[in-house]
Amino acid sequence: MWKLHLKDLLGKQTLSSMRPVTVSQTVETLSDDRHKDLSKESLAHIKHFLSGVYTFARNQGHFDGANPVTGVKLPTAKGPVYTYAYSLQEEHAMIAAVKSRRAKMAMPVTS
């Protein structure tokens, strides 16, 4: 989540320099069509990740302030997108197409 969505936006921020407005602007940027166009659910996951970073930092003694993510509201964003679940026959065909035995064993576990 950090590398994919947040590093470019927050990479130079420190724990103590983050303010609720910074978090709000970051989430707003991620919801913008020109950036990543993330869904409301994805934005919520990112917000929870950031909040967890502050909880962890506080528990480890690296941060003593208030969690700047608390109270930040999510912007309006697109809703969930319908996803398709593969049939059993499609999954078997995908597994059969893979050469590596190790990969064949991992595919059903991760899908």
PDB file of N, CA and C in Angstrom:
ATOM      1  N   MET A   1       0.822  -1.179   0.000  1.00  0.00           N
ATOM      2  CA  MET A   1       0.000   0.000   0.000  1.00  0.00           C
ATOM      3  C   MET A   1       0.874   1.254   0.000  1.00  0.00           C
ATOM      4  N   TRP A   2       1.938   1.208   0.797  1.00  0.00           N
ATOM      5  CA  TRP A   2       2.846   2.354   0.866  1.00  0.00           C
ATOM      6  C   TRP A   2       3.478   2.602  -0.506  1.00  0.00           C
ATOM      7  N   LYS A   3       4.086   1.563  -1.087  1.00  0.00           N
ATOM      8  CA  LYS A   3       4.776   1.734  -2.359  1.00  0.00           C
ATOM      9  C   LYS A   3       3.818   2.079  -3.493  1.00  0.00           C
ATOM     10  N   LEU A   4       2.673   1.446  -3.517  1.00  0.00           N
ATOM     11  CA  LEU A   4       1.737   1.609  -4.627  1.00  0.00           C
ATOM     12  C   LEU A   4       0.998   2.944  -4.600  1.00  0.00           C
ATOM     13  N   HIS A   5       0.595   3.407  -3.410  1.00  0.00           N
ATOM     14  CA  HIS A   5      -0.277   4.581  -3.344  1.00  0.00           C
ATOM     15  C   HIS A   5       0.289   5.790  -2.596  1.00  0.00           C
ATOM     16  N   LEU A   6       1.113   5.564  -1.590  1.00  0.00           N
ATOM     17  CA  LEU A   6       1.443   6.663  -0.683  1.00  0.00           C
ATOM     18  C   LEU A   6       2.873   7.193  -0.772  1.00  0.00           C
ATOM     19  N   LYS A   7       3.803   6.385  -1.175  1.00  0.00           N
ATOM     20  CA  LYS A   7       5.211   6.792  -1.137  1.00  0.00           C
ATOM     21  C   LYS A   7       5.472   8.073  -1.924  1.00  0.00           C
ATOM     22  N   ASP A   8       4.928   8.178  -3.126  1.00  0.00           N
ATOM     23  CA  ASP A   8       5.155   9.372  -3.948  1.00  0.00           C
ATOM     24  C   ASP A   8       4.530  10.618  -3.330  1.00  0.00           C
ATOM     25  N   LEU A   9       3.419  10.451  -2.622  1.00  0.00           N
ATOM     26  CA  LEU A   9       2.718  11.590  -2.033  1.00  0.00           C
ATOM     27  C   LEU A   9       3.258  11.976  -0.659  1.00  0.00           C
ATOM     28  N   LEU A  10       3.700  10.992   0.118  1.00  0.00           N
ATOM     29  CA  LEU A  10       4.083  11.248   1.511  1.00  0.00           C
ATOM     30  C   LEU A  10       5.527  10.881   1.837  1.00  0.00           C
ATOM     31  N   GLY A  11       6.297  10.497   0.866  1.00  0.00           N
ATOM     32  CA  GLY A  11       7.643   9.982   1.092  1.00  0.00           C
ATOM     33  C   GLY A  11       8.558  10.880   1.907  1.00  0.00           C
ATOM     34  N   LYS A  12       8.368  12.174   1.839  1.00  0.00           N
ATOM     35  CA  LYS A  12       9.244  13.098   2.569  1.00  0.00           C
ATOM     36  C   LYS A  12       8.632  13.565   3.900  1.00  0.00           C
ATOM     37  N   GLN A  13       7.440  13.124   4.213  1.00  0.00           N
ATOM     38  CA  GLN A  13       6.779  13.497   5.470  1.00  0.00           C
ATOM     39  C   GLN A  13       7.367  12.687   6.629  1.00  0.00           C
ATOM     40  N   THR A  14       7.365  13.287   7.803  1.00  0.00           N
ATOM     41  CA  THR A  14       7.727  12.558   9.019  1.00  0.00           C
ATOM     42  C   THR A  14       6.448  12.319   9.818  1.00  0.00           C
ATOM     43  N   LEU A  15       6.515  11.422  10.778  1.00  0.00           N
ATOM     44  CA  LEU A  15       5.343  11.157  11.609  1.00  0.00           C
ATOM     45  C   LEU A  15       4.829  12.426  12.268  1.00  0.00           C
ATOM     46  N   SER A  16       5.735  13.226  12.772  1.00  0.00           N
ATOM     47  CA  SER A  16       5.326  14.427  13.506  1.00  0.00           C
ATOM     48  C   SER A  16       4.880  15.568  12.594  1.00  0.00           C
ATOM     49  N   SER A  17       5.226  15.516  11.310  1.00  0.00           N
ATOM     50  CA  SER A  17       4.834  16.606  10.414  1.00  0.00           C
ATOM     51  C   SER A  17       3.442  16.400   9.807  1.00  0.00           C
ATOM     52  N   MET A  18       2.897  15.206   9.919  1.00  0.00           N
ATOM     53  CA  MET A  18       1.576  14.929   9.349  1.00  0.00           C
ATOM     54  C   MET A  18       0.491  15.588  10.185  1.00  0.00           C
ATOM     55  N   ARG A  19      -0.432  16.233   9.500  1.00  0.00           N
ATOM     56  CA  ARG A  19      -1.574  16.873  10.141  1.00  0.00           C
ATOM     57  C   ARG A  19      -2.839  16.331   9.484  1.00  0.00           C
ATOM     58  N   PRO A  20      -3.989  16.465  10.123  1.00  0.00           N
ATOM     59  CA  PRO A  20      -5.219  15.977   9.490  1.00  0.00           C
ATOM     60  C   PRO A  20      -5.427  16.536   8.082  1.00  0.00           C
ATOM     61  N   VAL A  21      -5.076  17.808   7.867  1.00  0.00           N
ATOM     62  CA  VAL A  21      -5.239  18.388   6.532  1.00  0.00           C
ATOM     63  C   VAL A  21      -4.346  17.688   5.514  1.00  0.00           C
ATOM     64  N   THR A  22      -3.154  17.255   5.914  1.00  0.00           N
ATOM     65  CA  THR A  22      -2.251  16.532   5.017  1.00  0.00           C
ATOM     66  C   THR A  22      -2.868  15.203   4.624  1.00  0.00           C
ATOM     67  N   VAL A  23      -3.413  14.493   5.611  1.00  0.00           N
ATOM     68  CA  VAL A  23      -4.058  13.203   5.352  1.00  0.00           C
ATOM     69  C   VAL A  23      -5.260  13.413   4.438  1.00  0.00           C
ATOM     70  N   SER A  24      -6.065  14.413   4.727  1.00  0.00           N
ATOM     71  CA  SER A  24      -7.250  14.709   3.929  1.00  0.00           C
ATOM     72  C   SER A  24      -6.877  15.022   2.482  1.00  0.00           C
ATOM     73  N   GLN A  25      -5.866  15.843   2.278  1.00  0.00           N
ATOM     74  CA  GLN A  25      -5.428  16.202   0.926  1.00  0.00           C
ATOM     75  C   GLN A  25      -4.868  14.988   0.190  1.00  0.00           C
ATOM     76  N   THR A  26      -4.183  14.132   0.907  1.00  0.00           N
ATOM     77  CA  THR A  26      -3.621  12.925   0.296  1.00  0.00           C
ATOM     78  C   THR A  26      -4.731  12.002  -0.182  1.00  0.00           C
ATOM     79  N   VAL A  27      -5.720  11.780   0.660  1.00  0.00           N
ATOM     80  CA  VAL A  27      -6.838  10.909   0.288  1.00  0.00           C
ATOM     81  C   VAL A  27      -7.633  11.541  -0.859  1.00  0.00           C
ATOM     82  N   GLU A  28      -7.789  12.844  -0.830  1.00  0.00           N
ATOM     83  CA  GLU A  28      -8.481  13.562  -1.912  1.00  0.00           C
ATOM     84  C   GLU A  28      -7.722  13.379  -3.235  1.00  0.00           C
ATOM     85  N   THR A  29      -6.409  13.497  -3.193  1.00  0.00           N
ATOM     86  CA  THR A  29      -5.585  13.319  -4.395  1.00  0.00           C
ATOM     87  C   THR A  29      -5.750  11.913  -4.953  1.00  0.00           C
ATOM     88  N   LEU A  30      -5.784  10.930  -4.073  1.00  0.00           N
ATOM     89  CA  LEU A  30      -5.936   9.546  -4.518  1.00  0.00           C
ATOM     90  C   LEU A  30      -7.305   9.272  -5.126  1.00  0.00           C
ATOM     91  N   SER A  31      -8.309  10.059  -4.753  1.00  0.00           N
ATOM     92  CA  SER A  31      -9.650   9.858  -5.303  1.00  0.00           C
ATOM     93  C   SER A  31      -9.847  10.591  -6.626  1.00  0.00           C
ATOM     94  N   ASP A  32      -8.915  11.469  -6.961  1.00  0.00           N
ATOM     95  CA  ASP A  32      -9.021  12.294  -8.156  1.00  0.00           C
ATOM     96  C   ASP A  32      -8.825  11.460  -9.425  1.00  0.00           C
ATOM     97  N   ASP A  33      -9.616  11.733 -10.436  1.00  0.00           N
ATOM     98  CA  ASP A  33      -9.526  11.004 -11.715  1.00  0.00           C
ATOM     99  C   ASP A  33      -8.144  11.103 -12.336  1.00  0.00           C
ATOM    100  N   ARG A  34      -7.464  12.211 -12.143  1.00  0.00           N
ATOM    101  CA  ARG A  34      -6.163  12.413 -12.777  1.00  0.00           C
ATOM    102  C   ARG A  34      -5.066  11.617 -12.093  1.00  0.00           C
ATOM    103  N   HIS A  35      -5.321  11.089 -10.916  1.00  0.00           N
ATOM    104  CA  HIS A  35      -4.273  10.364 -10.201  1.00  0.00           C
ATOM    105  C   HIS A  35      -4.513   8.859 -10.339  1.00  0.00           C
ATOM    106  N   LYS A  36      -5.156   8.258  -9.385  1.00  0.00           N
ATOM    107  CA  LYS A  36      -5.351   6.808  -9.411  1.00  0.00           C
ATOM    108  C   LYS A  36      -6.813   6.397  -9.514  1.00  0.00           C
ATOM    109  N   ASP A  37      -7.733   7.334  -9.288  1.00  0.00           N
ATOM    110  CA  ASP A  37      -9.162   7.065  -9.416  1.00  0.00           C
ATOM    111  C   ASP A  37      -9.587   5.845  -8.587  1.00  0.00           C
ATOM    112  N   LEU A  38      -9.257   5.853  -7.317  1.00  0.00           N
ATOM    113  CA  LEU A  38      -9.558   4.731  -6.441  1.00  0.00           C
ATOM    114  C   LEU A  38     -11.000   4.775  -5.946  1.00  0.00           C
ATOM    115  N   SER A  39     -11.535   3.613  -5.627  1.00  0.00           N
ATOM    116  CA  SER A  39     -12.892   3.523  -5.103  1.00  0.00           C
ATOM    117  C   SER A  39     -12.921   3.955  -3.636  1.00  0.00           C
ATOM    118  N   LYS A  40     -14.117   4.177  -3.137  1.00  0.00           N
ATOM    119  CA  LYS A  40     -14.292   4.571  -1.739  1.00  0.00           C
ATOM    120  C   LYS A  40     -13.726   3.503  -0.800  1.00  0.00           C
ATOM    121  N   GLU A  41     -13.930   2.252  -1.139  1.00  0.00           N
ATOM    122  CA  GLU A  41     -13.419   1.155  -0.303  1.00  0.00           C
ATOM    123  C   GLU A  41     -11.888   1.150  -0.277  1.00  0.00           C
ATOM    124  N   SER A  42     -11.258   1.370  -1.418  1.00  0.00           N
ATOM    125  CA  SER A  42      -9.797   1.429  -1.465  1.00  0.00           C
ATOM    126  C   SER A  42      -9.276   2.606  -0.649  1.00  0.00           C
ATOM    127  N   LEU A  43      -9.952   3.749  -0.741  1.00  0.00           N
ATOM    128  CA  LEU A  43      -9.549   4.915   0.049  1.00  0.00           C
ATOM    129  C   LEU A  43      -9.683   4.626   1.544  1.00  0.00           C
ATOM    130  N   ALA A  44     -10.733   3.904   1.922  1.00  0.00           N
ATOM    131  CA  ALA A  44     -10.914   3.537   3.331  1.00  0.00           C
ATOM    132  C   ALA A  44      -9.771   2.631   3.800  1.00  0.00           C
ATOM    133  N   HIS A  45      -9.351   1.695   2.950  1.00  0.00           N
ATOM    134  CA  HIS A  45      -8.231   0.815   3.302  1.00  0.00           C
ATOM    135  C   HIS A  45      -6.945   1.623   3.495  1.00  0.00           C
ATOM    136  N   ILE A  46      -6.722   2.596   2.627  1.00  0.00           N
ATOM    137  CA  ILE A  46      -5.534   3.435   2.736  1.00  0.00           C
ATOM    138  C   ILE A  46      -5.586   4.251   4.019  1.00  0.00           C
ATOM    139  N   LYS A  47      -6.739   4.804   4.320  1.00  0.00           N
ATOM    140  CA  LYS A  47      -6.899   5.587   5.553  1.00  0.00           C
ATOM    141  C   LYS A  47      -6.643   4.705   6.783  1.00  0.00           C
ATOM    142  N   HIS A  48      -7.161   3.502   6.781  1.00  0.00           N
ATOM    143  CA  HIS A  48      -6.950   2.581   7.906  1.00  0.00           C
ATOM    144  C   HIS A  48      -5.478   2.191   8.021  1.00  0.00           C
ATOM    145  N   PHE A  49      -4.812   2.012   6.882  1.00  0.00           N
ATOM    146  CA  PHE A  49      -3.379   1.715   6.896  1.00  0.00           C
ATOM    147  C   PHE A  49      -2.608   2.847   7.565  1.00  0.00           C
ATOM    148  N   LEU A  50      -2.890   4.091   7.156  1.00  0.00           N
ATOM    149  CA  LEU A  50      -2.205   5.247   7.753  1.00  0.00           C
ATOM    150  C   LEU A  50      -2.473   5.335   9.252  1.00  0.00           C
ATOM    151  N   SER A  51      -3.696   5.104   9.646  1.00  0.00           N
ATOM    152  CA  SER A  51      -4.031   5.132  11.064  1.00  0.00           C
ATOM    153  C   SER A  51      -3.255   4.056  11.818  1.00  0.00           C
ATOM    154  N   GLY A  52      -3.133   2.889  11.205  1.00  0.00           N
ATOM    155  CA  GLY A  52      -2.381   1.800  11.810  1.00  0.00           C
ATOM    156  C   GLY A  52      -0.901   2.125  11.961  1.00  0.00           C
ATOM    157  N   VAL A  53      -0.355   2.881  11.014  1.00  0.00           N
ATOM    158  CA  VAL A  53       1.044   3.307  11.114  1.00  0.00           C
ATOM    159  C   VAL A  53       1.230   4.137  12.384  1.00  0.00           C
ATOM    160  N   TYR A  54       0.295   5.049  12.642  1.00  0.00           N
ATOM    161  CA  TYR A  54       0.406   5.894  13.829  1.00  0.00           C
ATOM    162  C   TYR A  54       0.183   5.097  15.116  1.00  0.00           C
ATOM    163  N   THR A  55      -0.723   4.152  15.092  1.00  0.00           N
ATOM    164  CA  THR A  55      -0.935   3.310  16.268  1.00  0.00           C
ATOM    165  C   THR A  55       0.321   2.503  16.567  1.00  0.00           C
ATOM    166  N   PHE A  56       0.909   1.930  15.530  1.00  0.00           N
ATOM    167  CA  PHE A  56       2.141   1.161  15.705  1.00  0.00           C
ATOM    168  C   PHE A  56       3.274   2.051  16.222  1.00  0.00           C
ATOM    169  N   ALA A  57       3.425   3.231  15.611  1.00  0.00           N
ATOM    170  CA  ALA A  57       4.497   4.143  16.025  1.00  0.00           C
ATOM    171  C   ALA A  57       4.330   4.562  17.481  1.00  0.00           C
ATOM    172  N   ARG A  58       3.112   4.814  17.895  1.00  0.00           N
ATOM    173  CA  ARG A  58       2.861   5.190  19.291  1.00  0.00           C
ATOM    174  C   ARG A  58       3.199   4.032  20.222  1.00  0.00           C
ATOM    175  N   ASN A  59       2.793   2.836  19.859  1.00  0.00           N
ATOM    176  CA  ASN A  59       3.064   1.661  20.691  1.00  0.00           C
ATOM    177  C   ASN A  59       4.548   1.337  20.783  1.00  0.00           C
ATOM    178  N   GLN A  60       5.318   1.721  19.763  1.00  0.00           N
ATOM    179  CA  GLN A  60       6.758   1.468  19.753  1.00  0.00           C
ATOM    180  C   GLN A  60       7.560   2.631  20.338  1.00  0.00           C
ATOM    181  N   GLY A  61       6.878   3.700  20.736  1.00  0.00           N
ATOM    182  CA  GLY A  61       7.549   4.837  21.340  1.00  0.00           C
ATOM    183  C   GLY A  61       8.151   5.829  20.364  1.00  0.00           C
ATOM    184  N   HIS A  62       7.731   5.779  19.096  1.00  0.00           N
ATOM    185  CA  HIS A  62       8.274   6.681  18.085  1.00  0.00           C
ATOM    186  C   HIS A  62       7.418   7.925  17.874  1.00  0.00           C
ATOM    187  N   PHE A  63       6.239   7.940  18.461  1.00  0.00           N
ATOM    188  CA  PHE A  63       5.316   9.047  18.246  1.00  0.00           C
ATOM    189  C   PHE A  63       4.436   9.186  19.482  1.00  0.00           C
ATOM    190  N   ASP A  64       4.281  10.410  19.975  1.00  0.00           N
ATOM    191  CA  ASP A  64       3.479  10.627  21.178  1.00  0.00           C
ATOM    192  C   ASP A  64       2.241  11.487  20.945  1.00  0.00           C
ATOM    193  N   GLY A  65       2.082  12.037  19.761  1.00  0.00           N
ATOM    194  CA  GLY A  65       0.968  12.945  19.497  1.00  0.00           C
ATOM    195  C   GLY A  65      -0.333  12.219  19.193  1.00  0.00           C
ATOM    196  N   ALA A  66      -1.329  13.017  18.834  1.00  0.00           N
ATOM    197  CA  ALA A  66      -2.630  12.467  18.433  1.00  0.00           C
ATOM    198  C   ALA A  66      -2.523  11.911  17.011  1.00  0.00           C
ATOM    199  N   ASN A  67      -3.282  10.894  16.743  1.00  0.00           N
ATOM    200  CA  ASN A  67      -3.311  10.280  15.426  1.00  0.00           C
ATOM    201  C   ASN A  67      -3.969  11.260  14.446  1.00  0.00           C
ATOM    202  N   PRO A  68      -3.232  11.790  13.451  1.00  0.00           N
ATOM    203  CA  PRO A  68      -3.793  12.787  12.545  1.00  0.00           C
ATOM    204  C   PRO A  68      -4.820  12.220  11.564  1.00  0.00           C
ATOM    205  N   VAL A  69      -4.946  10.917  11.526  1.00  0.00           N
ATOM    206  CA  VAL A  69      -5.905  10.300  10.613  1.00  0.00           C
ATOM    207  C   VAL A  69      -7.306  10.296  11.221  1.00  0.00           C
ATOM    208  N   THR A  70      -7.376  10.330  12.537  1.00  0.00           N
ATOM    209  CA  THR A  70      -8.661  10.305  13.227  1.00  0.00           C
ATOM    210  C   THR A  70      -9.505  11.500  12.816  1.00  0.00           C
ATOM    211  N   GLY A  71     -10.728  11.232  12.430  1.00  0.00           N
ATOM    212  CA  GLY A  71     -11.657  12.295  12.071  1.00  0.00           C
ATOM    213  C   GLY A  71     -11.610  12.739  10.630  1.00  0.00           C
ATOM    214  N   VAL A  72     -10.623  12.259   9.854  1.00  0.00           N
ATOM    215  CA  VAL A  72     -10.552  12.631   8.438  1.00  0.00           C
ATOM    216  C   VAL A  72     -11.665  11.900   7.695  1.00  0.00           C
ATOM    217  N   LYS A  73     -12.450  12.658   6.943  1.00  0.00           N
ATOM    218  CA  LYS A  73     -13.559  12.075   6.185  1.00  0.00           C
ATOM    219  C   LYS A  73     -13.096  11.727   4.784  1.00  0.00           C
ATOM    220  N   LEU A  74     -13.642  10.656   4.272  1.00  0.00           N
ATOM    221  CA  LEU A  74     -13.305  10.241   2.918  1.00  0.00           C
ATOM    222  C   LEU A  74     -14.049  11.104   1.910  1.00  0.00           C
ATOM    223  N   PRO A  75     -13.393  11.445   0.798  1.00  0.00           N
ATOM    224  CA  PRO A  75     -14.064  12.232  -0.230  1.00  0.00           C
ATOM    225  C   PRO A  75     -15.034  11.362  -1.024  1.00  0.00           C
ATOM    226  N   THR A  76     -15.859  12.004  -1.802  1.00  0.00           N
ATOM    227  CA  THR A  76     -16.743  11.271  -2.700  1.00  0.00           C
ATOM    228  C   THR A  76     -15.873  10.534  -3.710  1.00  0.00           C
ATOM    229  N   ALA A  77     -16.151   9.280  -3.901  1.00  0.00           N
ATOM    230  CA  ALA A  77     -15.355   8.467  -4.826  1.00  0.00           C
ATOM    231  C   ALA A  77     -16.273   7.477  -5.509  1.00  0.00           C
ATOM    232  N   LYS A  78     -15.736   6.835  -6.518  1.00  0.00           N
ATOM    233  CA  LYS A  78     -16.553   5.870  -7.253  1.00  0.00           C
ATOM    234  C   LYS A  78     -16.904   4.684  -6.360  1.00  0.00           C
ATOM    235  N   GLY A  79     -18.006   4.056  -6.680  1.00  0.00           N
ATOM    236  CA  GLY A  79     -18.470   2.903  -5.909  1.00  0.00           C
ATOM    237  C   GLY A  79     -17.741   1.638  -6.300  1.00  0.00           C
ATOM    238  N   PRO A  80     -18.137   0.531  -5.681  1.00  0.00           N
ATOM    239  CA  PRO A  80     -17.482  -0.740  -5.989  1.00  0.00           C
ATOM    240  C   PRO A  80     -17.768  -1.169  -7.425  1.00  0.00           C
ATOM    241  N   VAL A  81     -16.841  -1.909  -7.982  1.00  0.00           N
ATOM    242  CA  VAL A  81     -16.961  -2.421  -9.342  1.00  0.00           C
ATOM    243  C   VAL A  81     -17.258  -3.917  -9.259  1.00  0.00           C
ATOM    244  N   TYR A  82     -18.186  -4.369 -10.084  1.00  0.00           N
ATOM    245  CA  TYR A  82     -18.512  -5.790 -10.122  1.00  0.00           C
ATOM    246  C   TYR A  82     -17.298  -6.572 -10.604  1.00  0.00           C
ATOM    247  N   THR A  83     -16.966  -7.627  -9.892  1.00  0.00           N
ATOM    248  CA  THR A  83     -15.871  -8.496 -10.320  1.00  0.00           C
ATOM    249  C   THR A  83     -16.426  -9.874 -10.640  1.00  0.00           C
ATOM    250  N   TYR A  84     -15.739 -10.566 -11.473  1.00  0.00           N
ATOM    251  CA  TYR A  84     -16.173 -11.865 -11.952  1.00  0.00           C
ATOM    252  C   TYR A  84     -15.406 -12.963 -11.226  1.00  0.00           C
ATOM    253  N   ALA A  85     -16.097 -13.967 -10.750  1.00  0.00           N
ATOM    254  CA  ALA A  85     -15.456 -15.124 -10.120  1.00  0.00           C
ATOM    255  C   ALA A  85     -15.264 -16.210 -11.179  1.00  0.00           C
ATOM    256  N   TYR A  86     -14.052 -16.756 -11.266  1.00  0.00           N
ATOM    257  CA  TYR A  86     -13.775 -17.801 -12.242  1.00  0.00           C
ATOM    258  C   TYR A  86     -14.539 -19.073 -11.884  1.00  0.00           C
ATOM    259  N   SER A  87     -14.951 -19.795 -12.901  1.00  0.00           N
ATOM    260  CA  SER A  87     -15.584 -21.093 -12.670  1.00  0.00           C
ATOM    261  C   SER A  87     -14.491 -22.109 -12.340  1.00  0.00           C
ATOM    262  N   LEU A  88     -14.886 -23.234 -11.831  1.00  0.00           N
ATOM    263  CA  LEU A  88     -13.930 -24.291 -11.499  1.00  0.00           C
ATOM    264  C   LEU A  88     -13.185 -24.747 -12.755  1.00  0.00           C
ATOM    265  N   GLN A  89     -13.895 -24.841 -13.880  1.00  0.00           N
ATOM    266  CA  GLN A  89     -13.258 -25.253 -15.139  1.00  0.00           C
ATOM    267  C   GLN A  89     -12.208 -24.223 -15.575  1.00  0.00           C
ATOM    268  N   GLU A  90     -12.504 -22.922 -15.412  1.00  0.00           N
ATOM    269  CA  GLU A  90     -11.535 -21.888 -15.773  1.00  0.00           C
ATOM    270  C   GLU A  90     -10.303 -21.959 -14.884  1.00  0.00           C
ATOM    271  N   GLU A  91     -10.500 -22.199 -13.594  1.00  0.00           N
ATOM    272  CA  GLU A  91      -9.357 -22.320 -12.685  1.00  0.00           C
ATOM    273  C   GLU A  91      -8.494 -23.517 -13.049  1.00  0.00           C
ATOM    274  N   HIS A  92      -9.121 -24.625 -13.370  1.00  0.00           N
ATOM    275  CA  HIS A  92      -8.357 -25.813 -13.774  1.00  0.00           C
ATOM    276  C   HIS A  92      -7.563 -25.541 -15.044  1.00  0.00           C
ATOM    277  N   ALA A  93      -8.152 -24.809 -15.990  1.00  0.00           N
ATOM    278  CA  ALA A  93      -7.450 -24.485 -17.243  1.00  0.00           C
ATOM    279  C   ALA A  93      -6.244 -23.590 -16.962  1.00  0.00           C
ATOM    280  N   MET A  94      -6.391 -22.634 -16.062  1.00  0.00           N
ATOM    281  CA  MET A  94      -5.265 -21.750 -15.728  1.00  0.00           C
ATOM    282  C   MET A  94      -4.140 -22.540 -15.058  1.00  0.00           C
ATOM    283  N   ILE A  95      -4.496 -23.420 -14.150  1.00  0.00           N
ATOM    284  CA  ILE A  95      -3.485 -24.233 -13.464  1.00  0.00           C
ATOM    285  C   ILE A  95      -2.769 -25.142 -14.461  1.00  0.00           C
ATOM    286  N   ALA A  96      -3.530 -25.712 -15.403  1.00  0.00           N
ATOM    287  CA  ALA A  96      -2.940 -26.598 -16.414  1.00  0.00           C
ATOM    288  C   ALA A  96      -1.981 -25.851 -17.329  1.00  0.00           C
ATOM    289  N   ALA A  97      -2.195 -24.563 -17.533  1.00  0.00           N
ATOM    290  CA  ALA A  97      -1.350 -23.773 -18.434  1.00  0.00           C
ATOM    291  C   ALA A  97      -0.003 -23.412 -17.819  1.00  0.00           C
ATOM    292  N   VAL A  98       0.126 -23.548 -16.516  1.00  0.00           N
ATOM    293  CA  VAL A  98       1.365 -23.181 -15.821  1.00  0.00           C
ATOM    294  C   VAL A  98       2.290 -24.394 -15.787  1.00  0.00           C
ATOM    295  N   LYS A  99       3.568 -24.174 -16.074  1.00  0.00           N
ATOM    296  CA  LYS A  99       4.544 -25.273 -16.141  1.00  0.00           C
ATOM    297  C   LYS A  99       5.091 -25.672 -14.766  1.00  0.00           C
ATOM    298  N   SER A 100       5.395 -24.709 -13.932  1.00  0.00           N
ATOM    299  CA  SER A 100       6.040 -24.971 -12.649  1.00  0.00           C
ATOM    300  C   SER A 100       5.086 -25.654 -11.663  1.00  0.00           C
ATOM    301  N   ARG A 101       5.539 -26.761 -11.101  1.00  0.00           N
ATOM    302  CA  ARG A 101       4.711 -27.471 -10.128  1.00  0.00           C
ATOM    303  C   ARG A 101       4.453 -26.608  -8.888  1.00  0.00           C
ATOM    304  N   ARG A 102       5.478 -25.879  -8.482  1.00  0.00           N
ATOM    305  CA  ARG A 102       5.346 -24.998  -7.316  1.00  0.00           C
ATOM    306  C   ARG A 102       4.277 -23.917  -7.561  1.00  0.00           C
ATOM    307  N   ALA A 103       4.300 -23.325  -8.746  1.00  0.00           N
ATOM    308  CA  ALA A 103       3.305 -22.308  -9.099  1.00  0.00           C
ATOM    309  C   ALA A 103       1.911 -22.919  -9.173  1.00  0.00           C
ATOM    310  N   LYS A 104       1.812 -24.134  -9.711  1.00  0.00           N
ATOM    311  CA  LYS A 104       0.511 -24.823  -9.782  1.00  0.00           C
ATOM    312  C   LYS A 104      -0.076 -25.014  -8.387  1.00  0.00           C
ATOM    313  N   MET A 105       0.786 -25.292  -7.428  1.00  0.00           N
ATOM    314  CA  MET A 105       0.315 -25.505  -6.060  1.00  0.00           C
ATOM    315  C   MET A 105      -0.085 -24.187  -5.399  1.00  0.00           C
ATOM    316  N   ALA A 106       0.582 -23.107  -5.752  1.00  0.00           N
ATOM    317  CA  ALA A 106       0.302 -21.807  -5.143  1.00  0.00           C
ATOM    318  C   ALA A 106      -0.959 -21.156  -5.703  1.00  0.00           C
ATOM    319  N   MET A 107      -1.271 -21.419  -6.953  1.00  0.00           N
ATOM    320  CA  MET A 107      -2.406 -20.745  -7.601  1.00  0.00           C
ATOM    321  C   MET A 107      -3.744 -20.944  -6.877  1.00  0.00           C
ATOM    322  N   PRO A 108      -4.129 -22.157  -6.518  1.00  0.00           N
ATOM    323  CA  PRO A 108      -5.421 -22.317  -5.831  1.00  0.00           C
ATOM    324  C   PRO A 108      -5.437 -21.673  -4.447  1.00  0.00           C
ATOM    325  N   VAL A 109      -4.285 -21.578  -3.821  1.00  0.00           N
ATOM    326  CA  VAL A 109      -4.204 -21.001  -2.490  1.00  0.00           C
ATOM    327  C   VAL A 109      -4.410 -19.493  -2.531  1.00  0.00           C
ATOM    328  N   THR A 110      -3.891 -18.821  -3.561  1.00  0.00           N
ATOM    329  CA  THR A 110      -3.950 -17.362  -3.641  1.00  0.00           C
ATOM    330  C   THR A 110      -5.162 -16.858  -4.382  1.00  0.00           C
ATOM    331  N   SER A 111      -5.872 -17.672  -5.088  1.00  0.00           N
ATOM    332  CA  SER A 111      -7.021 -17.159  -5.852  1.00  0.00           C
ATOM    333  C   SER A 111      -8.294 -17.235  -5.079  1.00  0.00           C
TER     334      SER A 111
END
